[in-house]
């Protein structure tokens, strides 16, 4: 083995035990607490306000809390003067009540109530079902792609890694009761793509090293491959994490769930690319022969 190689697989059993514990905690949180579905999935009221001056979203959020609506979600909508308020409830007069409450807290605020819409729970249920279907289709497409691009054992390793990422990320969201809305669902789907990209890079290096390191066994091949891609993995993960931390700190409530979910996904995805997908290849006993296409029987010389 190359002296500078990090022996990642030497602790694969310990890492697997940690993975099982974390995954069980995540599954337990999902069953015990469940996801804290937002208005996109449970239904509620959308209220659009148009201010004369650029709106201060944090101030509006604080004013709504003082007026008795602490769970309202406030976000910018198009121009800086347009504000979208989302909250639970189906009261037809809720828009007027919110407008009156804001004016009572701050009499100097000048805005116009442009529209009030109610999102029914049936629409939310359809969105939830379609989101789950989109995730399953994404996983199925990934399995087919990797089976075609590499070999079916690589596909199994990638799917095991992605299922781990989804379970752990959703478990953390359920444990801390982070509101789960369409932006968080988008973050989970983006996390699947991010983790898969990291896994494919390691898989591609493993396949190349089967040709370069002809005398190395599979464990040594994986250690060398992970070491060779480590700097690239760290650079990508750190740059992505820094951008997400900036969104988490300065993005406001509307991007908080998205940034937090994707940040958790980046950390979990980086870990699983090494300690989930690669050990699966060991358990499935991947060999160099698995990557060699079978000979065509028609091309065999049948001369006596």
Protein backbone atom coordinates (compact mmCIF):
# COMPACT_ATOMS: atom_id res chain seq x y z
CA UNK A 1 0.00 0.00 0.00
CA UNK A 2 1.18 3.54 -0.73
CA UNK A 3 2.67 5.08 2.43
CA UNK A 4 0.56 8.24 2.23
CA UNK A 5 -2.66 6.28 1.89
CA UNK A 6 -5.24 6.77 4.64
CA UNK A 7 -6.70 3.45 5.78
CA UNK A 8 -10.35 4.44 5.70
CA UNK A 9 -11.63 0.88 5.57
CA UNK A 10 -9.73 -0.16 8.71
CA UNK A 11 -12.54 1.33 10.81
CA UNK A 12 -15.41 0.41 8.49
CA UNK A 13 -17.01 -1.86 11.10
CA UNK A 14 -16.92 0.89 13.73
CA UNK A 15 -18.32 3.34 11.18
CA UNK A 16 -21.06 0.86 10.30
CA UNK A 17 -22.03 0.51 13.96
CA UNK A 18 -22.23 4.31 14.29
CA UNK A 19 -24.29 4.43 11.10
CA UNK A 20 -26.77 1.88 12.44
CA UNK A 21 -27.19 3.79 15.71
CA UNK A 22 -27.71 7.15 13.97
CA UNK A 23 -30.11 5.62 11.45
CA UNK A 24 -32.18 3.96 14.20
CA UNK A 25 -32.36 7.28 16.08
CA UNK A 26 -33.49 8.98 12.86
CA UNK A 27 -36.15 6.35 12.17
CA UNK A 28 -37.29 6.54 15.79
CA UNK A 29 -37.64 10.33 15.53
CA UNK A 30 -39.66 9.95 12.33
CA UNK A 31 -42.07 7.50 13.98
CA UNK A 32 -42.21 9.22 17.38
CA UNK A 33 -42.44 12.86 16.34
CA UNK A 34 -43.01 12.76 12.60
CA UNK A 35 -42.15 15.52 10.18
CA UNK A 36 -43.40 18.99 11.05
CA UNK A 37 -45.19 19.57 7.75
CA UNK A 38 -45.55 23.21 6.78
CA UNK A 39 -48.49 24.96 5.17
CA UNK A 40 -47.47 23.68 1.73
CA UNK A 41 -48.51 20.20 2.87
CA UNK A 42 -51.10 20.80 5.58
CA UNK A 43 -53.02 23.70 4.07
CA UNK A 44 -53.41 27.25 5.32
CA UNK A 45 -53.86 30.85 4.23
CA UNK A 46 -51.60 32.94 1.98
CA UNK A 47 -51.77 36.70 2.46
CA UNK A 48 -50.00 39.08 0.08
CA UNK A 49 -49.14 42.58 1.30
CA UNK A 50 -47.75 45.42 -0.81
CA UNK A 51 -45.76 48.07 1.09
CA UNK A 52 -44.95 51.57 -0.11
CA UNK A 53 -41.30 51.15 0.95
CA UNK A 54 -39.00 48.09 0.99
CA UNK A 55 -40.33 45.81 3.70
CA UNK A 56 -38.34 44.69 6.74
CA UNK A 57 -39.26 40.99 6.97
CA UNK A 58 -37.79 40.51 10.44
CA UNK A 59 -39.75 43.48 11.77
CA UNK A 60 -42.99 42.22 10.20
CA UNK A 61 -42.37 38.78 11.73
CA UNK A 62 -41.85 40.41 15.13
CA UNK A 63 -44.98 42.55 14.74
CA UNK A 64 -47.09 39.51 13.84
CA UNK A 65 -45.77 37.74 16.93
CA UNK A 66 -46.80 40.67 19.07
CA UNK A 67 -50.23 40.66 17.41
CA UNK A 68 -50.82 37.02 18.34
CA UNK A 69 -49.53 35.21 15.21
CA UNK A 70 -46.13 33.81 16.31
CA UNK A 71 -46.19 30.90 13.83
CA UNK A 72 -46.67 33.07 10.73
CA UNK A 73 -44.12 32.61 7.94
CA UNK A 74 -43.02 35.89 6.35
CA UNK A 75 -41.05 36.03 3.11
CA UNK A 76 -40.33 38.37 0.24
CA UNK A 77 -42.49 37.87 -2.83
CA UNK A 78 -41.08 39.30 -6.05
CA UNK A 79 -40.21 42.95 -5.39
CA UNK A 80 -38.75 44.11 -2.07
CA UNK A 81 -42.04 45.87 -1.32
CA UNK A 82 -44.15 42.71 -1.72
CA UNK A 83 -44.51 40.41 1.28
CA UNK A 84 -46.14 36.98 1.48
CA UNK A 85 -47.48 35.86 4.86
CA UNK A 86 -48.38 32.19 5.36
CA UNK A 87 -50.23 30.89 8.40
CA UNK A 88 -52.56 28.12 9.48
CA UNK A 89 -56.30 28.65 9.41
CA UNK A 90 -59.09 29.00 6.87
CA UNK A 91 -60.91 32.06 8.22
CA UNK A 92 -62.14 34.16 5.23
CA UNK A 93 -61.47 37.30 7.30
CA UNK A 94 -57.97 36.26 8.30
CA UNK A 95 -56.35 38.63 5.80
CA UNK A 96 -58.21 41.64 7.16
CA UNK A 97 -57.46 40.58 10.74
CA UNK A 98 -53.75 40.31 10.00
CA UNK A 99 -53.72 43.70 8.26
CA UNK A 100 -55.56 45.32 11.18
CA UNK A 101 -53.20 43.66 13.65
CA UNK A 102 -50.13 44.97 11.82
CA UNK A 103 -51.55 48.48 11.71
CA UNK A 104 -52.40 48.36 15.42
CA UNK A 105 -48.82 47.40 16.28
CA UNK A 106 -47.26 49.94 13.91
CA UNK A 107 -49.63 52.68 12.88
CA UNK A 108 -47.05 54.24 10.57
CA UNK A 109 -46.68 51.18 8.34
CA UNK A 110 -48.37 51.76 5.00
CA UNK A 111 -49.31 48.74 2.95
CA UNK A 112 -52.12 47.35 0.84
CA UNK A 113 -53.78 43.97 1.24
CA UNK A 114 -53.54 42.61 -2.32
CA UNK A 115 -54.89 39.04 -2.04
CA UNK A 116 -55.86 36.28 0.36
CA UNK A 117 -55.82 32.65 -0.78
CA UNK A 118 -56.56 29.43 1.07
CA UNK A 119 -54.53 26.28 0.33
CA UNK A 120 -56.70 23.29 1.19
CA UNK A 121 -55.34 20.20 2.94
CA UNK A 122 -56.21 18.09 -0.10
CA UNK A 123 -53.78 20.11 -2.25
CA UNK A 124 -51.16 19.73 0.48
CA UNK A 125 -51.68 15.97 0.58
CA UNK A 126 -51.21 15.77 -3.19
CA UNK A 127 -48.00 17.78 -2.94
CA UNK A 128 -46.72 15.45 -0.21
CA UNK A 129 -47.51 12.33 -2.23
CA UNK A 130 -45.95 13.77 -5.39
CA UNK A 131 -42.84 14.78 -3.44
CA UNK A 132 -42.43 11.26 -2.10
CA UNK A 133 -42.96 9.81 -5.57
CA UNK A 134 -40.36 12.19 -7.01
CA UNK A 135 -37.84 10.97 -4.43
CA UNK A 136 -38.52 7.30 -5.22
CA UNK A 137 -38.26 7.92 -8.97
CA UNK A 138 -34.98 9.74 -8.43
CA UNK A 139 -33.56 6.78 -6.48
CA UNK A 140 -34.78 4.32 -9.13
CA UNK A 141 -33.27 6.38 -11.94
CA UNK A 142 -29.96 6.57 -10.09
CA UNK A 143 -29.87 2.78 -9.67
CA UNK A 144 -30.46 2.25 -13.40
CA UNK A 145 -27.88 4.87 -14.38
CA UNK A 146 -25.14 3.42 -12.17
CA UNK A 147 -25.92 -0.15 -13.24
CA UNK A 148 -25.47 0.99 -16.86
CA UNK A 149 -22.56 3.38 -16.23
CA UNK A 150 -20.57 1.09 -13.92
CA UNK A 151 -21.92 -2.23 -12.66
CA UNK A 152 -24.94 -3.26 -10.59
CA UNK A 153 -22.88 -3.61 -7.39
CA UNK A 154 -21.96 0.07 -7.66
CA UNK A 155 -25.64 0.86 -8.05
CA UNK A 156 -26.51 -1.02 -4.85
CA UNK A 157 -23.75 0.82 -2.97
CA UNK A 158 -24.95 4.21 -4.18
CA UNK A 159 -28.60 3.51 -3.33
CA UNK A 160 -27.64 2.27 0.16
CA UNK A 161 -25.70 5.51 0.66
CA UNK A 162 -28.57 7.70 -0.56
CA UNK A 163 -31.18 5.90 1.56
CA UNK A 164 -28.94 6.45 4.58
CA UNK A 165 -28.62 10.16 3.71
CA UNK A 166 -32.37 10.62 3.34
CA UNK A 167 -33.23 8.71 6.55
CA UNK A 168 -30.66 10.55 8.68
CA UNK A 169 -31.52 13.99 7.26
CA UNK A 170 -35.27 13.49 7.69
CA UNK A 171 -34.67 12.06 11.16
CA UNK A 172 -32.75 15.17 12.21
CA UNK A 173 -35.50 17.40 10.80
CA UNK A 174 -38.12 15.38 12.69
CA UNK A 175 -36.12 15.36 15.93
CA UNK A 176 -35.74 19.16 15.95
CA UNK A 177 -39.21 19.67 14.41
CA UNK A 178 -37.91 21.85 11.59
CA UNK A 179 -40.88 22.93 9.40
CA UNK A 180 -40.97 20.70 6.32
CA UNK A 181 -42.17 22.65 3.29
CA UNK A 182 -41.46 22.66 -0.44
CA UNK A 183 -38.10 24.42 0.01
CA UNK A 184 -36.96 21.72 2.44
CA UNK A 185 -38.15 19.02 0.02
CA UNK A 186 -36.11 20.73 -2.70
CA UNK A 187 -33.10 20.67 -0.36
CA UNK A 188 -33.50 16.93 0.24
CA UNK A 189 -33.66 16.25 -3.51
CA UNK A 190 -30.62 18.50 -4.07
CA UNK A 191 -28.80 16.62 -1.30
CA UNK A 192 -29.43 13.35 -3.16
CA UNK A 193 -27.76 14.77 -6.25
CA UNK A 194 -24.85 16.19 -4.24
CA UNK A 195 -24.17 12.94 -2.41
CA UNK A 196 -24.45 10.94 -5.62
CA UNK A 197 -21.90 13.17 -7.36
CA UNK A 198 -19.38 12.57 -4.58
CA UNK A 199 -20.04 8.83 -4.64
CA UNK A 200 -19.62 8.58 -8.42
CA UNK A 201 -16.23 10.32 -8.27
CA UNK A 202 -14.99 7.74 -5.74
CA UNK A 203 -16.50 4.88 -7.75
CA UNK A 204 -14.84 6.12 -10.94
CA UNK A 205 -11.45 6.23 -9.21
CA UNK A 206 -11.99 2.71 -7.83
CA UNK A 207 -12.69 1.45 -11.34
CA UNK A 208 -9.58 3.17 -12.74
CA UNK A 209 -7.40 1.78 -9.96
CA UNK A 210 -8.44 -1.76 -10.83
CA UNK A 211 -6.32 -1.23 -13.96
CA UNK A 212 -3.49 0.68 -12.25
CA UNK A 213 -3.16 -1.27 -9.00
CA UNK A 214 -3.32 -4.76 -10.42
CA UNK A 215 -1.79 -6.44 -7.34
CA UNK A 216 -3.90 -4.54 -4.80
CA UNK A 217 -6.95 -6.11 -3.21
CA UNK A 218 -10.32 -4.37 -3.08
CA UNK A 219 -9.82 -2.84 0.39
CA UNK A 220 -6.48 -1.35 -0.61
CA UNK A 221 -8.01 -0.08 -3.84
CA UNK A 222 -10.81 1.69 -1.92
CA UNK A 223 -8.36 3.23 0.57
CA UNK A 224 -6.16 4.55 -2.24
CA UNK A 225 -9.15 5.83 -4.21
CA UNK A 226 -10.68 7.65 -1.22
CA UNK A 227 -7.30 9.17 -0.38
CA UNK A 228 -6.79 10.38 -3.94
CA UNK A 229 -10.20 12.08 -3.99
CA UNK A 230 -10.03 13.37 -0.40
CA UNK A 231 -8.74 16.87 -1.18
CA UNK A 232 -11.35 17.33 -3.87
CA UNK A 233 -14.09 16.11 -1.49
CA UNK A 234 -12.95 18.44 1.31
CA UNK A 235 -12.72 21.44 -1.02
CA UNK A 236 -16.18 20.83 -2.48
CA UNK A 237 -17.85 20.11 0.86
CA UNK A 238 -16.25 23.07 2.65
CA UNK A 239 -17.08 25.58 -0.10
CA UNK A 240 -20.68 24.33 -0.22
CA UNK A 241 -20.96 24.36 3.57
CA UNK A 242 -19.67 27.94 3.81
CA UNK A 243 -22.27 29.13 1.30
CA UNK A 244 -25.03 27.29 3.20
CA UNK A 245 -23.89 28.71 6.55
CA UNK A 246 -24.12 32.19 5.04
CA UNK A 247 -27.68 31.42 3.89
CA UNK A 248 -28.50 30.00 7.30
CA UNK A 249 -27.29 33.12 9.11
CA UNK A 250 -28.36 35.86 6.70
CA UNK A 251 -31.06 34.24 4.55
CA UNK A 252 -33.95 34.82 6.95
CA UNK A 253 -36.82 32.51 7.87
CA UNK A 254 -37.78 31.72 4.29
CA UNK A 255 -34.40 30.05 3.57
CA UNK A 256 -33.65 28.72 7.06
CA UNK A 257 -35.13 25.26 6.50
CA UNK A 258 -33.58 24.92 3.04
CA UNK A 259 -30.08 25.91 4.21
CA UNK A 260 -30.21 23.75 7.35
CA UNK A 261 -31.47 20.66 5.50
CA UNK A 262 -28.88 20.96 2.74
CA UNK A 263 -26.09 21.63 5.24
CA UNK A 264 -26.97 18.45 7.14
CA UNK A 265 -27.19 16.62 3.81
CA UNK A 266 -23.71 17.78 2.76
CA UNK A 267 -22.13 16.50 5.99
CA UNK A 268 -24.05 13.21 5.93
CA UNK A 269 -23.50 12.74 2.19
CA UNK A 270 -19.73 13.24 2.46
CA UNK A 271 -19.57 10.64 5.24
CA UNK A 272 -21.76 8.09 3.43
CA UNK A 273 -19.79 8.34 0.17
CA UNK A 274 -16.85 6.78 2.01
CA UNK A 275 -18.32 4.68 4.80
CA UNK A 276 -21.60 3.46 3.26
CA UNK A 277 -21.19 3.07 -0.48
CA UNK A 278 -17.61 1.73 -0.40
CA UNK A 279 -18.14 -0.97 2.29
CA UNK A 280 -21.12 -2.26 0.29
CA UNK A 281 -18.68 -3.05 -2.53
CA UNK A 282 -16.63 -5.09 -0.05
CA UNK A 283 -19.67 -6.98 1.20
CA UNK A 284 -20.74 -7.72 -2.38
CA UNK A 285 -17.16 -8.88 -3.15
CA UNK A 286 -16.53 -6.66 -6.14
CA UNK A 287 -13.69 -7.93 -8.35
CA UNK A 288 -11.97 -6.69 -11.49
CA UNK A 289 -13.78 -9.42 -13.42
CA UNK A 290 -17.10 -7.70 -12.61
CA UNK A 291 -15.96 -4.73 -14.69
CA UNK A 292 -14.86 -6.81 -17.69
CA UNK A 293 -17.66 -7.29 -20.26
CA UNK A 294 -18.42 -10.95 -21.05
CA UNK A 295 -16.97 -12.31 -24.25
CA UNK A 296 -19.33 -12.69 -27.18
CA UNK A 297 -19.95 -16.36 -27.79
CA UNK A 298 -20.27 -15.72 -31.53
CA UNK A 299 -16.66 -14.52 -31.64
CA UNK A 300 -15.24 -17.72 -30.12
CA UNK A 301 -13.15 -19.70 -32.58
CA UNK A 302 -15.02 -22.94 -33.20
CA UNK A 303 -12.45 -24.50 -35.51
CA UNK A 304 -11.65 -28.18 -34.78
